[in-house]
Amino acid sequence: MSDFSIEDDRLHDAPDASGSAFARIGQYIQALRRIKGKILTGADVDAVLQAVCSEVAAVVPDADLVGITMLDDTGRPRTVASTDPAVHDIDSDQYRAGQGPCLHAIRSGRMVRAQAHEAVARWPRFAAEVADLGVHSYLSAPLTPDENRHGSLNIYGTSADGFDPLDEVSVALLATSIETVIAITERARSAEREITGLRTAMKTRADIDQAKGIIMAMRGISADDAFALLSEQSQNRNIKVSEIASAMIESVAEHSNPRTGLHEETNSGYDSDSVV
């Protein structure tokens, strides 16, 4: 998880910070509850991240545009969720320039807050690219759901006043929870894929065992010899053993007399007799 170091200590001088902070934290708690509800509905990670962006835009003052950048397996940044197509334009300018608030947050692991004139000095190539997009304030929080996943929560504002130190600390707290949301959702998705794979494997194994049983009964041979026949058919026809087995079971089921259970001769597209 990110440590969310703050780039400056001006928060200590912010007037009436405590009252505003409590009010804002209350809003964030409600937002996180709504995000939790989204997760509990079984939504996939993309839908959850989209909900995160919408909630951040709703609770962070002057958050006109919100997006999430994550590094892919090759280390390239990619915008995975956003509240507006303009976010992709701003992010793409950063990716091309190789600099900007979101990339700085990812690389440094620190919160980044800047106004337009500060962006010119810190990221000149990026600032030149976005000069005509009307963005005057930037706030990016690093996201590290696990040691192999890195990204940033990016908030862009059109107000010339920019985000204040309280916004910076509040978003840092919110980002910590977002990291947990991403990690939990990714693990849930991984578990679902694993369960699906196990179910498929179990069905495949059951079909093969059932097909072996059919061959053993029809031919009076051992289980190993029955599997050898299935494997031979698989190689000859360039079809997976599991598919051969499934087709055999379906053929036998379709062409057996429902009253006697005896196999009847038909013109089936699958020649079960080639095996049994």
C-alpha atoms as a PDB file:
ATOM      1  CA  MET A   1       0.000   0.000   0.000  1.00  0.00           C
ATOM      2  CA  SER A   2       1.103   3.579  -0.615  1.00  0.00           C
ATOM      3  CA  ASP A   3       2.344   5.677   2.284  1.00  0.00           C
ATOM      4  CA  PHE A   4       0.784   8.843   0.821  1.00  0.00           C
ATOM      5  CA  SER A   5       3.477  11.282   1.875  1.00  0.00           C
ATOM      6  CA  ILE A   6       2.273  14.848   1.432  1.00  0.00           C
ATOM      7  CA  GLU A   7       4.398  17.162  -0.689  1.00  0.00           C
ATOM      8  CA  ASP A   8       4.111  20.149   1.614  1.00  0.00           C
ATOM      9  CA  ASP A   9       3.069  20.983   5.152  1.00  0.00           C
ATOM     10  CA  ARG A  10       0.727  23.880   4.443  1.00  0.00           C
ATOM     11  CA  LEU A  11      -2.150  21.900   5.915  1.00  0.00           C
ATOM     12  CA  HIS A  12      -0.909  22.787   9.381  1.00  0.00           C
ATOM     13  CA  ASP A  13      -1.692  26.428   8.662  1.00  0.00           C
ATOM     14  CA  ALA A  14      -5.113  25.815   7.101  1.00  0.00           C
ATOM     15  CA  PRO A  15      -7.848  27.657   9.067  1.00  0.00           C
ATOM     16  CA  ASP A  16     -10.788  25.698  10.434  1.00  0.00           C
ATOM     17  CA  ALA A  17      -9.313  22.511   8.997  1.00  0.00           C
ATOM     18  CA  SER A  18     -10.692  20.189  11.656  1.00  0.00           C
ATOM     19  CA  GLY A  19     -14.368  21.030  11.150  1.00  0.00           C
ATOM     20  CA  SER A  20     -14.123  20.848   7.389  1.00  0.00           C
ATOM     21  CA  ALA A  21     -12.172  17.609   7.610  1.00  0.00           C
ATOM     22  CA  PHE A  22     -14.811  15.910   9.766  1.00  0.00           C
ATOM     23  CA  ALA A  23     -17.592  16.961   7.405  1.00  0.00           C
ATOM     24  CA  ARG A  24     -15.674  15.770   4.358  1.00  0.00           C
ATOM     25  CA  ILE A  25     -14.670  12.474   5.950  1.00  0.00           C
ATOM     26  CA  GLY A  26     -18.351  11.831   6.641  1.00  0.00           C
ATOM     27  CA  GLN A  27     -19.080  12.309   2.945  1.00  0.00           C
ATOM     28  CA  TYR A  28     -16.240   9.969   2.025  1.00  0.00           C
ATOM     29  CA  ILE A  29     -17.525   7.296   4.370  1.00  0.00           C
ATOM     30  CA  GLN A  30     -20.909   7.424   2.639  1.00  0.00           C
ATOM     31  CA  ALA A  31     -19.186   7.226  -0.747  1.00  0.00           C
ATOM     32  CA  LEU A  32     -17.174   4.180   0.344  1.00  0.00           C
ATOM     33  CA  ARG A  33     -20.334   2.501   1.570  1.00  0.00           C
ATOM     34  CA  ARG A  34     -21.880   2.973  -1.852  1.00  0.00           C
ATOM     35  CA  ILE A  35     -18.755   1.536  -3.482  1.00  0.00           C
ATOM     36  CA  LYS A  36     -18.933  -1.416  -1.089  1.00  0.00           C
ATOM     37  CA  GLY A  37     -22.517  -1.957  -2.182  1.00  0.00           C
ATOM     38  CA  LYS A  38     -21.324  -2.043  -5.784  1.00  0.00           C
ATOM     39  CA  ILE A  39     -18.788  -4.735  -4.934  1.00  0.00           C
ATOM     40  CA  LEU A  40     -21.410  -6.819  -3.123  1.00  0.00           C
ATOM     41  CA  THR A  41     -23.597  -6.859  -6.240  1.00  0.00           C
ATOM     42  CA  GLY A  42     -20.860  -8.873  -7.943  1.00  0.00           C
ATOM     43  CA  ALA A  43     -19.833  -6.091 -10.325  1.00  0.00           C
ATOM     44  CA  ASP A  44     -16.518  -6.660 -12.105  1.00  0.00           C
ATOM     45  CA  VAL A  45     -13.450  -4.561 -11.377  1.00  0.00           C
ATOM     46  CA  ASP A  46     -14.032  -2.191 -14.315  1.00  0.00           C
ATOM     47  CA  ALA A  47     -17.527  -1.330 -13.100  1.00  0.00           C
ATOM     48  CA  VAL A  48     -16.234  -0.847  -9.558  1.00  0.00           C
ATOM     49  CA  LEU A  49     -13.462   1.501 -10.710  1.00  0.00           C
ATOM     50  CA  GLN A  50     -15.998   3.477 -12.731  1.00  0.00           C
ATOM     51  CA  ALA A  51     -18.158   3.793  -9.619  1.00  0.00           C
ATOM     52  CA  VAL A  52     -15.102   4.956  -7.661  1.00  0.00           C
ATOM     53  CA  CYS A  53     -14.485   7.765 -10.150  1.00  0.00           C
ATOM     54  CA  SER A  54     -18.104   8.902  -9.990  1.00  0.00           C
ATOM     55  CA  GLU A  55     -18.101   8.907  -6.185  1.00  0.00           C
ATOM     56  CA  VAL A  56     -14.834  10.875  -6.028  1.00  0.00           C
ATOM     57  CA  ALA A  57     -16.232  13.457  -8.438  1.00  0.00           C
ATOM     58  CA  ALA A  58     -19.309  13.782  -6.233  1.00  0.00           C
ATOM     59  CA  VAL A  59     -17.543  14.288  -2.901  1.00  0.00           C
ATOM     60  CA  VAL A  60     -14.295  16.141  -3.709  1.00  0.00           C
ATOM     61  CA  PRO A  61     -14.845  19.903  -4.141  1.00  0.00           C
ATOM     62  CA  ASP A  62     -13.885  21.246  -7.591  1.00  0.00           C
ATOM     63  CA  ALA A  63     -13.280  17.711  -8.925  1.00  0.00           C
ATOM     64  CA  ASP A  64     -14.496  18.350 -12.459  1.00  0.00           C
ATOM     65  CA  LEU A  65     -12.768  15.363 -14.031  1.00  0.00           C
ATOM     66  CA  VAL A  66     -11.715  12.125 -12.342  1.00  0.00           C
ATOM     67  CA  GLY A  67      -9.858   9.121 -13.679  1.00  0.00           C
ATOM     68  CA  ILE A  68      -7.792   6.133 -12.611  1.00  0.00           C
ATOM     69  CA  THR A  69      -4.505   5.185 -14.247  1.00  0.00           C
ATOM     70  CA  MET A  70      -3.008   1.718 -13.791  1.00  0.00           C
ATOM     71  CA  LEU A  71       0.217   0.302 -15.189  1.00  0.00           C
ATOM     72  CA  ASP A  72      -0.310  -2.775 -17.351  1.00  0.00           C
ATOM     73  CA  ASP A  73       1.852  -5.907 -17.267  1.00  0.00           C
ATOM     74  CA  THR A  74       4.466  -4.209 -19.454  1.00  0.00           C
ATOM     75  CA  GLY A  75       4.631  -1.127 -17.219  1.00  0.00           C
ATOM     76  CA  ARG A  76       2.757   1.121 -19.620  1.00  0.00           C
ATOM     77  CA  PRO A  77       0.142   3.481 -18.119  1.00  0.00           C
ATOM     78  CA  ARG A  78      -3.485   2.991 -19.100  1.00  0.00           C
ATOM     79  CA  THR A  79      -6.598   4.918 -18.120  1.00  0.00           C
ATOM     80  CA  VAL A  80      -8.935   2.226 -16.797  1.00  0.00           C
ATOM     81  CA  ALA A  81     -11.857   4.391 -15.634  1.00  0.00           C
ATOM     82  CA  SER A  82     -12.980   7.995 -15.948  1.00  0.00           C
ATOM     83  CA  THR A  83     -15.905  10.340 -15.556  1.00  0.00           C
ATOM     84  CA  ASP A  84     -15.433  12.066 -18.911  1.00  0.00           C
ATOM     85  CA  PRO A  85     -13.697  11.460 -22.267  1.00  0.00           C
ATOM     86  CA  ALA A  86     -11.626  14.568 -21.553  1.00  0.00           C
ATOM     87  CA  VAL A  87      -9.798  12.582 -18.868  1.00  0.00           C
ATOM     88  CA  HIS A  88      -8.419  10.301 -21.570  1.00  0.00           C
ATOM     89  CA  ASP A  89      -7.185  13.330 -23.526  1.00  0.00           C
ATOM     90  CA  ILE A  90      -5.349  14.730 -20.494  1.00  0.00           C
ATOM     91  CA  ASP A  91      -3.926  11.348 -19.549  1.00  0.00           C
ATOM     92  CA  SER A  92      -2.836  10.580 -23.105  1.00  0.00           C
ATOM     93  CA  ASP A  93      -0.906  13.853 -23.194  1.00  0.00           C
ATOM     94  CA  GLN A  94       0.904  12.754 -20.023  1.00  0.00           C
ATOM     95  CA  TYR A  95       1.677   9.314 -21.412  1.00  0.00           C
ATOM     96  CA  ARG A  96       3.081  10.773 -24.639  1.00  0.00           C
ATOM     97  CA  ALA A  97       5.131  13.407 -22.842  1.00  0.00           C
ATOM     98  CA  GLY A  98       6.352  10.909 -20.260  1.00  0.00           C
ATOM     99  CA  GLN A  99       5.610  13.406 -17.512  1.00  0.00           C
ATOM    100  CA  GLY A 100       2.717  14.892 -15.586  1.00  0.00           C
ATOM    101  CA  PRO A 101       0.957  14.674 -12.215  1.00  0.00           C
ATOM    102  CA  CYS A 102      -0.351  11.120 -12.518  1.00  0.00           C
ATOM    103  CA  LEU A 103       2.992   9.702 -13.684  1.00  0.00           C
ATOM    104  CA  HIS A 104       4.788  11.680 -10.972  1.00  0.00           C
ATOM    105  CA  ALA A 105       2.473  10.218  -8.324  1.00  0.00           C
ATOM    106  CA  ILE A 106       3.045   6.666  -9.593  1.00  0.00           C
ATOM    107  CA  ARG A 107       6.828   7.029  -9.788  1.00  0.00           C
ATOM    108  CA  SER A 108       7.305   8.825  -6.500  1.00  0.00           C
ATOM    109  CA  GLY A 109       4.592   7.122  -4.450  1.00  0.00           C
ATOM    110  CA  ARG A 110       3.631  10.588  -3.174  1.00  0.00           C
ATOM    111  CA  MET A 111       0.574  12.792  -3.415  1.00  0.00           C
ATOM    112  CA  VAL A 112       0.887  15.418  -6.136  1.00  0.00           C
ATOM    113  CA  ARG A 113      -0.969  18.733  -6.058  1.00  0.00           C
ATOM    114  CA  ALA A 114      -0.318  21.519  -8.534  1.00  0.00           C
ATOM    115  CA  GLN A 115      -1.900  24.485 -10.246  1.00  0.00           C
ATOM    116  CA  ALA A 116      -1.466  25.300 -13.936  1.00  0.00           C
ATOM    117  CA  HIS A 117       1.452  27.689 -13.463  1.00  0.00           C
ATOM    118  CA  GLU A 118       3.239  25.116 -11.307  1.00  0.00           C
ATOM    119  CA  ALA A 119       2.647  22.439 -13.947  1.00  0.00           C
ATOM    120  CA  VAL A 120       4.461  24.599 -16.511  1.00  0.00           C
ATOM    121  CA  ALA A 121       7.592  24.575 -14.353  1.00  0.00           C
ATOM    122  CA  ARG A 122       7.385  20.931 -13.260  1.00  0.00           C
ATOM    123  CA  TRP A 123       6.193  19.217 -16.461  1.00  0.00           C
ATOM    124  CA  PRO A 124       6.751  21.648 -19.360  1.00  0.00           C
ATOM    125  CA  ARG A 125       6.078  19.183 -22.182  1.00  0.00           C
ATOM    126  CA  PHE A 126       2.826  18.023 -20.625  1.00  0.00           C
ATOM    127  CA  ALA A 127       1.739  21.586 -19.742  1.00  0.00           C
ATOM    128  CA  ALA A 128       2.232  22.665 -23.338  1.00  0.00           C
ATOM    129  CA  GLU A 129       0.045  19.802 -24.586  1.00  0.00           C
ATOM    130  CA  VAL A 130      -2.902  20.549 -22.259  1.00  0.00           C
ATOM    131  CA  ALA A 131      -2.714  24.357 -22.374  1.00  0.00           C
ATOM    132  CA  ASP A 132      -5.940  24.582 -24.380  1.00  0.00           C
ATOM    133  CA  LEU A 133      -7.970  22.032 -22.393  1.00  0.00           C
ATOM    134  CA  GLY A 134      -8.998  24.423 -19.613  1.00  0.00           C
ATOM    135  CA  VAL A 135      -7.551  22.430 -16.716  1.00  0.00           C
ATOM    136  CA  HIS A 136      -6.032  24.625 -14.018  1.00  0.00           C
ATOM    137  CA  SER A 137      -5.677  22.279 -11.032  1.00  0.00           C
ATOM    138  CA  TYR A 138      -4.230  18.801 -10.563  1.00  0.00           C
ATOM    139  CA  LEU A 139      -4.428  16.350  -7.684  1.00  0.00           C
ATOM    140  CA  SER A 140      -3.068  12.791  -8.026  1.00  0.00           C
ATOM    141  CA  ALA A 141      -2.808  10.084  -5.380  1.00  0.00           C
ATOM    142  CA  PRO A 142      -0.633   6.989  -5.862  1.00  0.00           C
ATOM    143  CA  LEU A 143      -2.413   3.640  -5.814  1.00  0.00           C
ATOM    144  CA  THR A 144      -0.603   0.421  -4.894  1.00  0.00           C
ATOM    145  CA  PRO A 145      -3.194  -2.326  -4.341  1.00  0.00           C
ATOM    146  CA  ASP A 146      -0.358  -4.853  -4.077  1.00  0.00           C
ATOM    147  CA  GLU A 147       3.371  -5.047  -4.768  1.00  0.00           C
ATOM    148  CA  ASN A 148       2.764  -5.834  -8.434  1.00  0.00           C
ATOM    149  CA  ARG A 149       0.048  -3.277  -9.170  1.00  0.00           C
ATOM    150  CA  HIS A 150       0.694   0.458  -9.398  1.00  0.00           C
ATOM    151  CA  GLY A 151      -1.416   3.373 -10.528  1.00  0.00           C
ATOM    152  CA  SER A 152      -2.939   6.661  -9.489  1.00  0.00           C
ATOM    153  CA  LEU A 153      -6.240   8.353  -8.754  1.00  0.00           C
ATOM    154  CA  ASN A 154      -6.280  11.555 -10.804  1.00  0.00           C
ATOM    155  CA  ILE A 155      -8.463  14.586 -10.193  1.00  0.00           C
ATOM    156  CA  TYR A 156      -8.517  17.566 -12.537  1.00  0.00           C
ATOM    157  CA  GLY A 157     -10.208  20.893 -11.896  1.00  0.00           C
ATOM    158  CA  THR A 158     -11.087  23.874 -14.047  1.00  0.00           C
ATOM    159  CA  SER A 159     -11.007  26.302 -11.121  1.00  0.00           C
ATOM    160  CA  ALA A 160      -8.025  28.640 -10.975  1.00  0.00           C
ATOM    161  CA  ASP A 161      -8.024  28.400  -7.161  1.00  0.00           C
ATOM    162  CA  GLY A 162      -6.989  24.750  -7.321  1.00  0.00           C
ATOM    163  CA  PHE A 163      -7.189  22.120  -4.640  1.00  0.00           C
ATOM    164  CA  ASP A 164      -6.165  22.963  -1.084  1.00  0.00           C
ATOM    165  CA  PRO A 165      -4.115  21.021   1.493  1.00  0.00           C
ATOM    166  CA  LEU A 166      -7.295  19.638   3.060  1.00  0.00           C
ATOM    167  CA  ASP A 167      -8.298  18.203  -0.314  1.00  0.00           C
ATOM    168  CA  GLU A 168      -4.862  16.610  -0.525  1.00  0.00           C
ATOM    169  CA  VAL A 169      -5.088  14.873   2.848  1.00  0.00           C
ATOM    170  CA  SER A 170      -8.720  13.874   2.347  1.00  0.00           C
ATOM    171  CA  VAL A 171      -8.028  12.322  -1.057  1.00  0.00           C
ATOM    172  CA  ALA A 172      -5.016  10.498   0.399  1.00  0.00           C
ATOM    173  CA  LEU A 173      -7.308   8.892   2.977  1.00  0.00           C
ATOM    174  CA  LEU A 174      -9.855   8.063   0.289  1.00  0.00           C
ATOM    175  CA  ALA A 175      -7.143   6.571  -1.944  1.00  0.00           C
ATOM    176  CA  THR A 176      -6.116   4.177   0.829  1.00  0.00           C
ATOM    177  CA  SER A 177      -9.619   2.734   0.814  1.00  0.00           C
ATOM    178  CA  ILE A 178      -9.661   2.653  -2.986  1.00  0.00           C
ATOM    179  CA  GLU A 179      -6.509   0.530  -2.935  1.00  0.00           C
ATOM    180  CA  THR A 180      -8.337  -1.951  -0.731  1.00  0.00           C
ATOM    181  CA  VAL A 181     -11.350  -1.890  -3.050  1.00  0.00           C
ATOM    182  CA  ILE A 182      -9.164  -2.661  -6.069  1.00  0.00           C
ATOM    183  CA  ALA A 183      -7.303  -5.435  -4.250  1.00  0.00           C
ATOM    184  CA  ILE A 184     -10.495  -7.100  -3.000  1.00  0.00           C
ATOM    185  CA  THR A 185     -12.215  -6.865  -6.374  1.00  0.00           C
ATOM    186  CA  GLU A 186      -9.182  -8.261  -8.214  1.00  0.00           C
ATOM    187  CA  ARG A 187      -8.935 -11.160  -5.757  1.00  0.00           C
ATOM    188  CA  ALA A 188     -12.648 -11.876  -6.115  1.00  0.00           C
ATOM    189  CA  ARG A 189     -12.303 -11.910  -9.898  1.00  0.00           C
ATOM    190  CA  SER A 190      -9.301 -14.225  -9.642  1.00  0.00           C
ATOM    191  CA  ALA A 191     -11.207 -16.552  -7.315  1.00  0.00           C
ATOM    192  CA  GLU A 192     -14.165 -16.644  -9.710  1.00  0.00           C
ATOM    193  CA  ARG A 193     -11.856 -17.537 -12.593  1.00  0.00           C
ATOM    194  CA  GLU A 194     -10.289 -20.283 -10.491  1.00  0.00           C
ATOM    195  CA  ILE A 195     -13.682 -21.679  -9.505  1.00  0.00           C
ATOM    196  CA  THR A 196     -14.831 -21.601 -13.144  1.00  0.00           C
ATOM    197  CA  GLY A 197     -11.664 -23.414 -14.149  1.00  0.00           C
ATOM    198  CA  LEU A 198     -12.175 -26.040 -11.447  1.00  0.00           C
ATOM    199  CA  ARG A 199     -15.780 -26.595 -12.502  1.00  0.00           C
ATOM    200  CA  THR A 200     -14.711 -27.002 -16.121  1.00  0.00           C
ATOM    201  CA  ALA A 201     -11.955 -29.404 -15.100  1.00  0.00           C
ATOM    202  CA  MET A 202     -14.378 -31.443 -12.980  1.00  0.00           C
ATOM    203  CA  LYS A 203     -16.899 -31.686 -15.822  1.00  0.00           C
ATOM    204  CA  THR A 204     -14.159 -32.622 -18.270  1.00  0.00           C
ATOM    205  CA  ARG A 205     -12.887 -35.339 -15.946  1.00  0.00           C
ATOM    206  CA  ALA A 206     -16.431 -36.636 -15.376  1.00  0.00           C
ATOM    207  CA  ASP A 207     -17.115 -36.805 -19.133  1.00  0.00           C
ATOM    208  CA  ILE A 208     -13.879 -38.680 -19.795  1.00  0.00           C
ATOM    209  CA  ASP A 209     -14.557 -41.140 -16.969  1.00  0.00           C
ATOM    210  CA  GLN A 210     -18.099 -41.711 -18.238  1.00  0.00           C
ATOM    211  CA  ALA A 211     -16.861 -42.266 -21.805  1.00  0.00           C
ATOM    212  CA  LYS A 212     -14.250 -44.706 -20.528  1.00  0.00           C
ATOM    213  CA  GLY A 213     -17.019 -46.567 -18.721  1.00  0.00           C
ATOM    214  CA  ILE A 214     -19.059 -46.836 -21.910  1.00  0.00           C
ATOM    215  CA  ILE A 215     -16.083 -48.205 -23.857  1.00  0.00           C
ATOM    216  CA  MET A 216     -15.190 -50.643 -21.073  1.00  0.00           C
ATOM    217  CA  ALA A 217     -18.764 -51.975 -21.013  1.00  0.00           C
ATOM    218  CA  MET A 218     -19.036 -52.265 -24.789  1.00  0.00           C
ATOM    219  CA  ARG A 219     -15.583 -53.699 -25.416  1.00  0.00           C
ATOM    220  CA  GLY A 220     -14.885 -55.511 -22.188  1.00  0.00           C
ATOM    221  CA  ILE A 221     -11.505 -53.839 -21.772  1.00  0.00           C
ATOM    222  CA  SER A 222      -9.627 -52.117 -18.939  1.00  0.00           C
ATOM    223  CA  ALA A 223      -9.844 -48.449 -18.029  1.00  0.00           C
ATOM    224  CA  ASP A 224      -6.336 -47.824 -19.352  1.00  0.00           C
ATOM    225  CA  ASP A 225      -7.173 -49.450 -22.694  1.00  0.00           C
ATOM    226  CA  ALA A 226     -10.402 -47.447 -22.902  1.00  0.00           C
ATOM    227  CA  PHE A 227      -8.525 -44.209 -22.367  1.00  0.00           C
ATOM    228  CA  ALA A 228      -5.966 -45.295 -24.961  1.00  0.00           C
ATOM    229  CA  LEU A 229      -8.776 -45.658 -27.513  1.00  0.00           C
ATOM    230  CA  LEU A 230     -10.078 -42.184 -26.655  1.00  0.00           C
ATOM    231  CA  SER A 231      -6.582 -40.746 -27.019  1.00  0.00           C
ATOM    232  CA  GLU A 232      -6.148 -42.476 -30.370  1.00  0.00           C
ATOM    233  CA  GLN A 233      -9.402 -40.994 -31.636  1.00  0.00           C
ATOM    234  CA  SER A 234      -8.322 -37.579 -30.344  1.00  0.00           C
ATOM    235  CA  GLN A 235      -5.048 -37.737 -32.267  1.00  0.00           C
ATOM    236  CA  ASN A 236      -6.602 -39.123 -35.440  1.00  0.00           C
ATOM    237  CA  ARG A 237      -9.324 -36.487 -35.562  1.00  0.00           C
ATOM    238  CA  ASN A 238      -7.314 -33.641 -34.024  1.00  0.00           C
ATOM    239  CA  ILE A 239      -9.987 -33.119 -31.375  1.00  0.00           C
ATOM    240  CA  LYS A 240      -9.510 -32.855 -27.621  1.00  0.00           C
ATOM    241  CA  VAL A 241     -10.112 -36.030 -25.622  1.00  0.00           C
ATOM    242  CA  SER A 242     -12.725 -34.169 -23.565  1.00  0.00           C
ATOM    243  CA  GLU A 243     -14.651 -33.231 -26.713  1.00  0.00           C
ATOM    244  CA  ILE A 244     -14.517 -36.812 -28.008  1.00  0.00           C
ATOM    245  CA  ALA A 245     -15.832 -38.007 -24.643  1.00  0.00           C
ATOM    246  CA  SER A 246     -18.624 -35.421 -24.522  1.00  0.00           C
ATOM    247  CA  ALA A 247     -19.729 -36.214 -28.077  1.00  0.00           C
ATOM    248  CA  MET A 248     -19.740 -39.936 -27.323  1.00  0.00           C
ATOM    249  CA  ILE A 249     -21.899 -39.480 -24.221  1.00  0.00           C
ATOM    250  CA  GLU A 250     -24.344 -37.275 -26.129  1.00  0.00           C
ATOM    251  CA  SER A 251     -24.506 -39.744 -29.029  1.00  0.00           C
ATOM    252  CA  VAL A 252     -25.143 -42.727 -26.781  1.00  0.00           C
ATOM    253  CA  ALA A 253     -27.803 -40.811 -24.831  1.00  0.00           C
ATOM    254  CA  GLU A 254     -29.598 -39.643 -27.973  1.00  0.00           C
ATOM    255  CA  HIS A 255     -29.601 -42.982 -29.722  1.00  0.00           C
ATOM    256  CA  SER A 256     -30.519 -45.302 -26.871  1.00  0.00           C
ATOM    257  CA  ASN A 257     -34.054 -46.665 -26.621  1.00  0.00           C
ATOM    258  CA  PRO A 258     -35.647 -44.828 -23.667  1.00  0.00           C
ATOM    259  CA  ARG A 259     -37.681 -47.958 -22.788  1.00  0.00           C
ATOM    260  CA  THR A 260     -34.942 -50.548 -22.987  1.00  0.00           C
ATOM    261  CA  GLY A 261     -31.801 -48.451 -22.587  1.00  0.00           C
ATOM    262  CA  LEU A 262     -30.355 -50.352 -25.584  1.00  0.00           C
ATOM    263  CA  HIS A 263     -28.310 -48.578 -28.243  1.00  0.00           C
ATOM    264  CA  GLU A 264     -30.082 -48.212 -31.594  1.00  0.00           C
ATOM    265  CA  GLU A 265     -28.478 -47.841 -35.008  1.00  0.00           C
ATOM    266  CA  THR A 266     -28.932 -44.328 -36.463  1.00  0.00           C
ATOM    267  CA  ASN A 267     -27.316 -42.019 -38.940  1.00  0.00           C
ATOM    268  CA  SER A 268     -25.681 -39.849 -36.280  1.00  0.00           C
ATOM    269  CA  GLY A 269     -23.157 -37.260 -37.322  1.00  0.00           C
ATOM    270  CA  TYR A 270     -20.850 -38.654 -34.622  1.00  0.00           C
ATOM    271  CA  ASP A 271     -19.735 -42.237 -35.133  1.00  0.00           C
ATOM    272  CA  SER A 272     -19.636 -43.634 -31.614  1.00  0.00           C
ATOM    273  CA  ASP A 273     -19.001 -47.103 -33.017  1.00  0.00           C
ATOM    274  CA  SER A 274     -15.587 -45.923 -34.155  1.00  0.00           C
ATOM    275  CA  VAL A 275     -14.625 -46.036 -30.490  1.00  0.00           C
ATOM    276  CA  VAL A 276     -17.045 -48.417 -28.850  1.00  0.00           C
END
